[in-house]
Amino acid sequence: CLGARCAVEAGVVTDRLEGPLPAGDGKVTWLERKGVRPVLAVGNGELDEPMLRFAEHAIVVAPHGDEGNGLVRAAVDRGWPIQRG
């Protein structure tokens, strides 16, 4: 699980985020920094696509009728399974 990280100054959490944000390519950056390549990644939005491409296996979660979603199109193109909800 990756989350945004706030800067800490003198032991106090600030309102500034430290990059990269764990969205889009930032997810892959954080995984690479940790030396981790996921065996399985599950995503439900276009910002998950870089992580899904990086993982060994990917599953896309999408509601029925969401064919306009860019991640659904990528899943079809790449042969990733789509879990419909």
PDB file of N, CA and C in Angstrom:
ATOM      1  N   CYS A   1       0.851  -1.164   0.000  1.00  0.00           N
ATOM      2  CA  CYS A   1       0.000   0.000   0.000  1.00  0.00           C
ATOM      3  C   CYS A   1       0.896   1.225   0.000  1.00  0.00           C
ATOM      4  N   LEU A   2       0.674   2.109  -0.933  1.00  0.00           N
ATOM      5  CA  LEU A   2       1.457   3.335  -1.026  1.00  0.00           C
ATOM      6  C   LEU A   2       0.564   4.528  -0.738  1.00  0.00           C
ATOM      7  N   GLY A   3       1.092   5.492  -0.021  1.00  0.00           N
ATOM      8  CA  GLY A   3       0.327   6.695   0.271  1.00  0.00           C
ATOM      9  C   GLY A   3       1.196   7.926   0.119  1.00  0.00           C
ATOM     10  N   ALA A   4       0.562   9.088   0.081  1.00  0.00           N
ATOM     11  CA  ALA A   4       1.309  10.340   0.013  1.00  0.00           C
ATOM     12  C   ALA A   4       2.055  10.536   1.328  1.00  0.00           C
ATOM     13  N   ARG A   5       3.211  11.167   1.252  1.00  0.00           N
ATOM     14  CA  ARG A   5       4.049  11.375   2.425  1.00  0.00           C
ATOM     15  C   ARG A   5       4.199  12.869   2.680  1.00  0.00           C
ATOM     16  N   CYS A   6       3.889  13.287   3.898  1.00  0.00           N
ATOM     17  CA  CYS A   6       4.039  14.691   4.286  1.00  0.00           C
ATOM     18  C   CYS A   6       5.445  14.925   4.827  1.00  0.00           C
ATOM     19  N   ALA A   7       5.971  16.124   4.584  1.00  0.00           N
ATOM     20  CA  ALA A   7       7.262  16.511   5.146  1.00  0.00           C
ATOM     21  C   ALA A   7       7.102  16.705   6.654  1.00  0.00           C
ATOM     22  N   VAL A   8       8.173  16.407   7.392  1.00  0.00           N
ATOM     23  CA  VAL A   8       8.192  16.590   8.845  1.00  0.00           C
ATOM     24  C   VAL A   8       9.336  17.536   9.178  1.00  0.00           C
ATOM     25  N   GLU A   9       9.032  18.563   9.974  1.00  0.00           N
ATOM     26  CA  GLU A   9      10.056  19.523  10.413  1.00  0.00           C
ATOM     27  C   GLU A   9      10.027  19.601  11.921  1.00  0.00           C
ATOM     28  N   ALA A  10      11.167  19.374  12.517  1.00  0.00           N
ATOM     29  CA  ALA A  10      11.300  19.424  13.979  1.00  0.00           C
ATOM     30  C   ALA A  10      10.250  18.546  14.651  1.00  0.00           C
ATOM     31  N   GLY A  11       9.996  17.387  14.066  1.00  0.00           N
ATOM     32  CA  GLY A  11       9.043  16.448  14.651  1.00  0.00           C
ATOM     33  C   GLY A  11       7.586  16.784  14.429  1.00  0.00           C
ATOM     34  N   VAL A  12       7.306  17.786  13.593  1.00  0.00           N
ATOM     35  CA  VAL A  12       5.929  18.199  13.333  1.00  0.00           C
ATOM     36  C   VAL A  12       5.597  17.948  11.856  1.00  0.00           C
ATOM     37  N   VAL A  13       4.465  17.301  11.614  1.00  0.00           N
ATOM     38  CA  VAL A  13       4.021  17.049  10.246  1.00  0.00           C
ATOM     39  C   VAL A  13       3.580  18.367   9.624  1.00  0.00           C
ATOM     40  N   THR A  14       4.076  18.650   8.419  1.00  0.00           N
ATOM     41  CA  THR A  14       3.717  19.887   7.726  1.00  0.00           C
ATOM     42  C   THR A  14       2.620  19.624   6.696  1.00  0.00           C
ATOM     43  N   ASP A  15       2.204  20.674   6.010  1.00  0.00           N
ATOM     44  CA  ASP A  15       1.191  20.530   4.961  1.00  0.00           C
ATOM     45  C   ASP A  15       1.831  20.342   3.586  1.00  0.00           C
ATOM     46  N   ARG A  16       3.139  20.136   3.540  1.00  0.00           N
ATOM     47  CA  ARG A  16       3.848  19.931   2.271  1.00  0.00           C
ATOM     48  C   ARG A  16       4.011  18.441   1.988  1.00  0.00           C
ATOM     49  N   LEU A  17       3.709  18.054   0.772  1.00  0.00           N
ATOM     50  CA  LEU A  17       3.877  16.664   0.365  1.00  0.00           C
ATOM     51  C   LEU A  17       5.272  16.456  -0.209  1.00  0.00           C
ATOM     52  N   GLU A  18       5.861  15.325   0.124  1.00  0.00           N
ATOM     53  CA  GLU A  18       7.142  14.954  -0.456  1.00  0.00           C
ATOM     54  C   GLU A  18       6.879  14.110  -1.694  1.00  0.00           C
ATOM     55  N   GLY A  19       7.606  14.380  -2.748  1.00  0.00           N
ATOM     56  CA  GLY A  19       7.379  13.652  -3.984  1.00  0.00           C
ATOM     57  C   GLY A  19       8.263  12.443  -4.090  1.00  0.00           C
ATOM     58  N   PRO A  20       8.029  11.656  -5.075  1.00  0.00           N
ATOM     59  CA  PRO A  20       6.900  11.776  -5.989  1.00  0.00           C
ATOM     60  C   PRO A  20       5.612  11.270  -5.344  1.00  0.00           C
ATOM     61  N   LEU A  21       4.504  11.812  -5.810  1.00  0.00           N
ATOM     62  CA  LEU A  21       3.218  11.329  -5.322  1.00  0.00           C
ATOM     63  C   LEU A  21       2.974   9.920  -5.859  1.00  0.00           C
ATOM     64  N   PRO A  22       2.384   9.056  -5.052  1.00  0.00           N
ATOM     65  CA  PRO A  22       2.145   7.684  -5.507  1.00  0.00           C
ATOM     66  C   PRO A  22       0.912   7.579  -6.402  1.00  0.00           C
ATOM     67  N   ALA A  23       1.014   8.212  -7.561  1.00  0.00           N
ATOM     68  CA  ALA A  23      -0.050   8.165  -8.572  1.00  0.00           C
ATOM     69  C   ALA A  23       0.640   8.147  -9.924  1.00  0.00           C
ATOM     70  N   GLY A  24       0.068   7.443 -10.867  1.00  0.00           N
ATOM     71  CA  GLY A  24       0.684   7.372 -12.192  1.00  0.00           C
ATOM     72  C   GLY A  24       2.084   6.792 -12.112  1.00  0.00           C
ATOM     73  N   ASP A  25       3.030   7.437 -12.772  1.00  0.00           N
ATOM     74  CA  ASP A  25       4.413   6.957 -12.777  1.00  0.00           C
ATOM     75  C   ASP A  25       5.045   6.991 -11.393  1.00  0.00           C
ATOM     76  N   GLY A  26       4.523   7.832 -10.498  1.00  0.00           N
ATOM     77  CA  GLY A  26       5.060   7.906  -9.139  1.00  0.00           C
ATOM     78  C   GLY A  26       4.939   6.591  -8.389  1.00  0.00           C
ATOM     79  N   LYS A  27       3.918   5.794  -8.685  1.00  0.00           N
ATOM     80  CA  LYS A  27       3.775   4.482  -8.046  1.00  0.00           C
ATOM     81  C   LYS A  27       4.960   3.590  -8.403  1.00  0.00           C
ATOM     82  N   VAL A  28       5.335   3.607  -9.668  1.00  0.00           N
ATOM     83  CA  VAL A  28       6.466   2.787 -10.110  1.00  0.00           C
ATOM     84  C   VAL A  28       7.752   3.307  -9.479  1.00  0.00           C
ATOM     85  N   THR A  29       7.912   4.619  -9.398  1.00  0.00           N
ATOM     86  CA  THR A  29       9.107   5.195  -8.774  1.00  0.00           C
ATOM     87  C   THR A  29       9.258   4.699  -7.336  1.00  0.00           C
ATOM     88  N   TRP A  30       8.183   4.730  -6.551  1.00  0.00           N
ATOM     89  CA  TRP A  30       8.238   4.261  -5.169  1.00  0.00           C
ATOM     90  C   TRP A  30       8.547   2.767  -5.101  1.00  0.00           C
ATOM     91  N   LEU A  31       7.946   1.975  -5.953  1.00  0.00           N
ATOM     92  CA  LEU A  31       8.218   0.535  -5.960  1.00  0.00           C
ATOM     93  C   LEU A  31       9.683   0.268  -6.303  1.00  0.00           C
ATOM     94  N   GLU A  32      10.199   0.976  -7.289  1.00  0.00           N
ATOM     95  CA  GLU A  32      11.608   0.805  -7.664  1.00  0.00           C
ATOM     96  C   GLU A  32      12.530   1.211  -6.523  1.00  0.00           C
ATOM     97  N   ARG A  33      12.203   2.292  -5.822  1.00  0.00           N
ATOM     98  CA  ARG A  33      13.018   2.726  -4.678  1.00  0.00           C
ATOM     99  C   ARG A  33      13.063   1.661  -3.587  1.00  0.00           C
ATOM    100  N   LYS A  34      11.978   0.930  -3.433  1.00  0.00           N
ATOM    101  CA  LYS A  34      11.911  -0.134  -2.428  1.00  0.00           C
ATOM    102  C   LYS A  34      12.480  -1.448  -2.952  1.00  0.00           C
ATOM    103  N   GLY A  35      12.849  -1.476  -4.231  1.00  0.00           N
ATOM    104  CA  GLY A  35      13.384  -2.692  -4.822  1.00  0.00           C
ATOM    105  C   GLY A  35      12.337  -3.774  -4.992  1.00  0.00           C
ATOM    106  N   VAL A  36      11.100  -3.352  -5.268  1.00  0.00           N
ATOM    107  CA  VAL A  36       9.978  -4.283  -5.356  1.00  0.00           C
ATOM    108  C   VAL A  36       9.368  -4.237  -6.754  1.00  0.00           C
ATOM    109  N   ARG A  37       9.141  -5.425  -7.304  1.00  0.00           N
ATOM    110  CA  ARG A  37       8.329  -5.536  -8.525  1.00  0.00           C
ATOM    111  C   ARG A  37       7.163  -6.445  -8.170  1.00  0.00           C
ATOM    112  N   PRO A  38       5.951  -5.912  -8.160  1.00  0.00           N
ATOM    113  CA  PRO A  38       4.801  -6.719  -7.763  1.00  0.00           C
ATOM    114  C   PRO A  38       4.575  -7.915  -8.678  1.00  0.00           C
ATOM    115  N   VAL A  39       4.205  -9.028  -8.064  1.00  0.00           N
ATOM    116  CA  VAL A  39       3.775 -10.184  -8.830  1.00  0.00           C
ATOM    117  C   VAL A  39       2.390  -9.900  -9.394  1.00  0.00           C
ATOM    118  N   LEU A  40       1.545  -9.223  -8.598  1.00  0.00           N
ATOM    119  CA  LEU A  40       0.184  -8.901  -9.014  1.00  0.00           C
ATOM    120  C   LEU A  40      -0.141  -7.471  -8.614  1.00  0.00           C
ATOM    121  N   ALA A  41      -0.704  -6.725  -9.534  1.00  0.00           N
ATOM    122  CA  ALA A  41      -1.212  -5.385  -9.252  1.00  0.00           C
ATOM    123  C   ALA A  41      -2.659  -5.325  -9.717  1.00  0.00           C
ATOM    124  N   VAL A  42      -3.483  -4.662  -8.937  1.00  0.00           N
ATOM    125  CA  VAL A  42      -4.896  -4.491  -9.253  1.00  0.00           C
ATOM    126  C   VAL A  42      -5.173  -2.999  -9.288  1.00  0.00           C
ATOM    127  N   GLY A  43      -5.842  -2.547 -10.345  1.00  0.00           N
ATOM    128  CA  GLY A  43      -6.122  -1.123 -10.468  1.00  0.00           C
ATOM    129  C   GLY A  43      -7.509  -0.866 -11.000  1.00  0.00           C
ATOM    130  N   ASN A  44      -7.990   0.361 -10.731  1.00  0.00           N
ATOM    131  CA  ASN A  44      -9.328   0.729 -11.176  1.00  0.00           C
ATOM    132  C   ASN A  44      -9.387   2.074 -11.882  1.00  0.00           C
ATOM    133  N   GLY A  45      -8.252   2.684 -12.130  1.00  0.00           N
ATOM    134  CA  GLY A  45      -8.261   3.984 -12.790  1.00  0.00           C
ATOM    135  C   GLY A  45      -7.030   4.177 -13.648  1.00  0.00           C
ATOM    136  N   GLU A  46      -7.082   5.172 -14.503  1.00  0.00           N
ATOM    137  CA  GLU A  46      -6.006   5.407 -15.461  1.00  0.00           C
ATOM    138  C   GLU A  46      -4.667   5.674 -14.788  1.00  0.00           C
ATOM    139  N   LEU A  47      -4.666   6.243 -13.575  1.00  0.00           N
ATOM    140  CA  LEU A  47      -3.411   6.497 -12.876  1.00  0.00           C
ATOM    141  C   LEU A  47      -2.761   5.217 -12.359  1.00  0.00           C
ATOM    142  N   ASP A  48      -3.458   4.098 -12.442  1.00  0.00           N
ATOM    143  CA  ASP A  48      -2.895   2.811 -12.043  1.00  0.00           C
ATOM    144  C   ASP A  48      -2.163   2.113 -13.187  1.00  0.00           C
ATOM    145  N   GLU A  49      -2.343   2.581 -14.405  1.00  0.00           N
ATOM    146  CA  GLU A  49      -1.788   1.874 -15.561  1.00  0.00           C
ATOM    147  C   GLU A  49      -0.270   1.684 -15.493  1.00  0.00           C
ATOM    148  N   PRO A  50       0.530   2.703 -15.128  1.00  0.00           N
ATOM    149  CA  PRO A  50       1.975   2.453 -15.058  1.00  0.00           C
ATOM    150  C   PRO A  50       2.333   1.320 -14.086  1.00  0.00           C
ATOM    151  N   MET A  51       1.667   1.270 -12.937  1.00  0.00           N
ATOM    152  CA  MET A  51       1.919   0.209 -11.966  1.00  0.00           C
ATOM    153  C   MET A  51       1.515  -1.151 -12.538  1.00  0.00           C
ATOM    154  N   LEU A  52       0.397  -1.202 -13.230  1.00  0.00           N
ATOM    155  CA  LEU A  52      -0.059  -2.454 -13.821  1.00  0.00           C
ATOM    156  C   LEU A  52       0.918  -2.943 -14.893  1.00  0.00           C
ATOM    157  N   ARG A  53       1.453  -2.033 -15.683  1.00  0.00           N
ATOM    158  CA  ARG A  53       2.448  -2.408 -16.700  1.00  0.00           C
ATOM    159  C   ARG A  53       3.725  -2.922 -16.049  1.00  0.00           C
ATOM    160  N   PHE A  54       4.085  -2.367 -14.899  1.00  0.00           N
ATOM    161  CA  PHE A  54       5.311  -2.722 -14.192  1.00  0.00           C
ATOM    162  C   PHE A  54       5.210  -4.091 -13.525  1.00  0.00           C
ATOM    163  N   ALA A  55       4.028  -4.468 -13.099  1.00  0.00           N
ATOM    164  CA  ALA A  55       3.825  -5.739 -12.391  1.00  0.00           C
ATOM    165  C   ALA A  55       3.918  -6.922 -13.353  1.00  0.00           C
ATOM    166  N   GLU A  56       4.181  -8.099 -12.786  1.00  0.00           N
ATOM    167  CA  GLU A  56       4.216  -9.303 -13.599  1.00  0.00           C
ATOM    168  C   GLU A  56       2.833  -9.653 -14.141  1.00  0.00           C
ATOM    169  N   HIS A  57       1.801  -9.466 -13.323  1.00  0.00           N
ATOM    170  CA  HIS A  57       0.416  -9.756 -13.709  1.00  0.00           C
ATOM    171  C   HIS A  57      -0.458  -8.589 -13.275  1.00  0.00           C
ATOM    172  N   ALA A  58      -1.495  -8.319 -14.037  1.00  0.00           N
ATOM    173  CA  ALA A  58      -2.376  -7.187 -13.748  1.00  0.00           C
ATOM    174  C   ALA A  58      -3.834  -7.591 -13.879  1.00  0.00           C
ATOM    175  N   ILE A  59      -4.647  -6.993 -13.038  1.00  0.00           N
ATOM    176  CA  ILE A  59      -6.098  -7.140 -13.110  1.00  0.00           C
ATOM    177  C   ILE A  59      -6.708  -5.745 -13.017  1.00  0.00           C
ATOM    178  N   VAL A  60      -7.669  -5.480 -13.867  1.00  0.00           N
ATOM    179  CA  VAL A  60      -8.382  -4.204 -13.847  1.00  0.00           C
ATOM    180  C   VAL A  60      -9.768  -4.436 -13.262  1.00  0.00           C
ATOM    181  N   VAL A  61     -10.172  -3.577 -12.351  1.00  0.00           N
ATOM    182  CA  VAL A  61     -11.509  -3.616 -11.757  1.00  0.00           C
ATOM    183  C   VAL A  61     -12.297  -2.457 -12.360  1.00  0.00           C
ATOM    184  N   ALA A  62     -13.442  -2.782 -12.957  1.00  0.00           N
ATOM    185  CA  ALA A  62     -14.235  -1.742 -13.619  1.00  0.00           C
ATOM    186  C   ALA A  62     -15.712  -2.086 -13.538  1.00  0.00           C
ATOM    187  N   PRO A  63     -16.559  -1.077 -13.367  1.00  0.00           N
ATOM    188  CA  PRO A  63     -17.995  -1.350 -13.375  1.00  0.00           C
ATOM    189  C   PRO A  63     -18.471  -1.743 -14.770  1.00  0.00           C
ATOM    190  N   HIS A  64     -19.579  -2.443 -14.833  1.00  0.00           N
ATOM    191  CA  HIS A  64     -20.194  -2.776 -16.132  1.00  0.00           C
ATOM    192  C   HIS A  64     -20.485  -1.494 -16.893  1.00  0.00           C
ATOM    193  N   GLY A  65     -20.260  -1.520 -18.185  1.00  0.00           N
ATOM    194  CA  GLY A  65     -20.587  -0.380 -19.036  1.00  0.00           C
ATOM    195  C   GLY A  65     -19.563   0.732 -19.007  1.00  0.00           C
ATOM    196  N   ASP A  66     -18.392   0.491 -18.436  1.00  0.00           N
ATOM    197  CA  ASP A  66     -17.370   1.537 -18.342  1.00  0.00           C
ATOM    198  C   ASP A  66     -16.330   1.374 -19.448  1.00  0.00           C
ATOM    199  N   GLU A  67     -16.790   1.148 -20.663  1.00  0.00           N
ATOM    200  CA  GLU A  67     -15.880   0.890 -21.782  1.00  0.00           C
ATOM    201  C   GLU A  67     -15.086   2.123 -22.199  1.00  0.00           C
ATOM    202  N   GLY A  68     -15.533   3.320 -21.823  1.00  0.00           N
ATOM    203  CA  GLY A  68     -14.828   4.549 -22.179  1.00  0.00           C
ATOM    204  C   GLY A  68     -13.634   4.823 -21.286  1.00  0.00           C
ATOM    205  N   ASN A  69     -13.500   4.073 -20.214  1.00  0.00           N
ATOM    206  CA  ASN A  69     -12.390   4.230 -19.289  1.00  0.00           C
ATOM    207  C   ASN A  69     -11.088   3.860 -19.998  1.00  0.00           C
ATOM    208  N   GLY A  70     -10.101   4.737 -19.933  1.00  0.00           N
ATOM    209  CA  GLY A  70      -8.823   4.478 -20.589  1.00  0.00           C
ATOM    210  C   GLY A  70      -8.136   3.231 -20.071  1.00  0.00           C
ATOM    211  N   LEU A  71      -8.322   2.913 -18.799  1.00  0.00           N
ATOM    212  CA  LEU A  71      -7.705   1.717 -18.246  1.00  0.00           C
ATOM    213  C   LEU A  71      -8.367   0.458 -18.794  1.00  0.00           C
ATOM    214  N   VAL A  72      -9.665   0.506 -19.013  1.00  0.00           N
ATOM    215  CA  VAL A  72     -10.358  -0.640 -19.611  1.00  0.00           C
ATOM    216  C   VAL A  72      -9.838  -0.866 -21.030  1.00  0.00           C
ATOM    217  N   ARG A  73      -9.659   0.201 -21.783  1.00  0.00           N
ATOM    218  CA  ARG A  73      -9.111   0.071 -23.142  1.00  0.00           C
ATOM    219  C   ARG A  73      -7.705  -0.518 -23.104  1.00  0.00           C
ATOM    220  N   ALA A  74      -6.880  -0.068 -22.149  1.00  0.00           N
ATOM    221  CA  ALA A  74      -5.522  -0.604 -22.013  1.00  0.00           C
ATOM    222  C   ALA A  74      -5.565  -2.089 -21.656  1.00  0.00           C
ATOM    223  N   ALA A  75      -6.509  -2.467 -20.786  1.00  0.00           N
ATOM    224  CA  ALA A  75      -6.640  -3.873 -20.396  1.00  0.00           C
ATOM    225  C   ALA A  75      -6.991  -4.738 -21.603  1.00  0.00           C
ATOM    226  N   VAL A  76      -7.904  -4.258 -22.420  1.00  0.00           N
ATOM    227  CA  VAL A  76      -8.293  -5.008 -23.621  1.00  0.00           C
ATOM    228  C   VAL A  76      -7.087  -5.132 -24.548  1.00  0.00           C
ATOM    229  N   ASP A  77      -6.371  -4.028 -24.750  1.00  0.00           N
ATOM    230  CA  ASP A  77      -5.202  -4.034 -25.641  1.00  0.00           C
ATOM    231  C   ASP A  77      -4.106  -4.968 -25.141  1.00  0.00           C
ATOM    232  N   ARG A  78      -3.908  -5.040 -23.824  1.00  0.00           N
ATOM    233  CA  ARG A  78      -2.808  -5.813 -23.248  1.00  0.00           C
ATOM    234  C   ARG A  78      -3.217  -7.219 -22.813  1.00  0.00           C
ATOM    235  N   GLY A  79      -4.503  -7.525 -22.919  1.00  0.00           N
ATOM    236  CA  GLY A  79      -4.969  -8.847 -22.526  1.00  0.00           C
ATOM    237  C   GLY A  79      -5.065  -9.053 -21.026  1.00  0.00           C
ATOM    238  N   TRP A  80      -5.156  -7.946 -20.263  1.00  0.00           N
ATOM    239  CA  TRP A  80      -5.311  -8.045 -18.811  1.00  0.00           C
ATOM    240  C   TRP A  80      -6.740  -8.446 -18.494  1.00  0.00           C
ATOM    241  N   PRO A  81      -6.967  -9.298 -17.500  1.00  0.00           N
ATOM    242  CA  PRO A  81      -8.332  -9.619 -17.097  1.00  0.00           C
ATOM    243  C   PRO A  81      -9.034  -8.389 -16.526  1.00  0.00           C
ATOM    244  N   ILE A  82     -10.333  -8.318 -16.754  1.00  0.00           N
ATOM    245  CA  ILE A  82     -11.151  -7.225 -16.223  1.00  0.00           C
ATOM    246  C   ILE A  82     -12.195  -7.840 -15.301  1.00  0.00           C
ATOM    247  N   GLN A  83     -12.163  -7.418 -14.051  1.00  0.00           N
ATOM    248  CA  GLN A  83     -13.166  -7.844 -13.068  1.00  0.00           C
ATOM    249  C   GLN A  83     -14.287  -6.814 -13.093  1.00  0.00           C
ATOM    250  N   ARG A  84     -15.462  -7.245 -13.472  1.00  0.00           N
ATOM    251  CA  ARG A  84     -16.610  -6.334 -13.546  1.00  0.00           C
ATOM    252  C   ARG A  84     -17.354  -6.333 -12.221  1.00  0.00           C
ATOM    253  N   GLY A  85     -17.786  -5.155 -11.819  1.00  0.00           N
ATOM    254  CA  GLY A  85     -18.520  -5.049 -10.551  1.00  0.00           C
ATOM    255  C   GLY A  85     -19.868  -4.436 -10.711  1.00  0.00           C
TER     256      GLY A  85
END
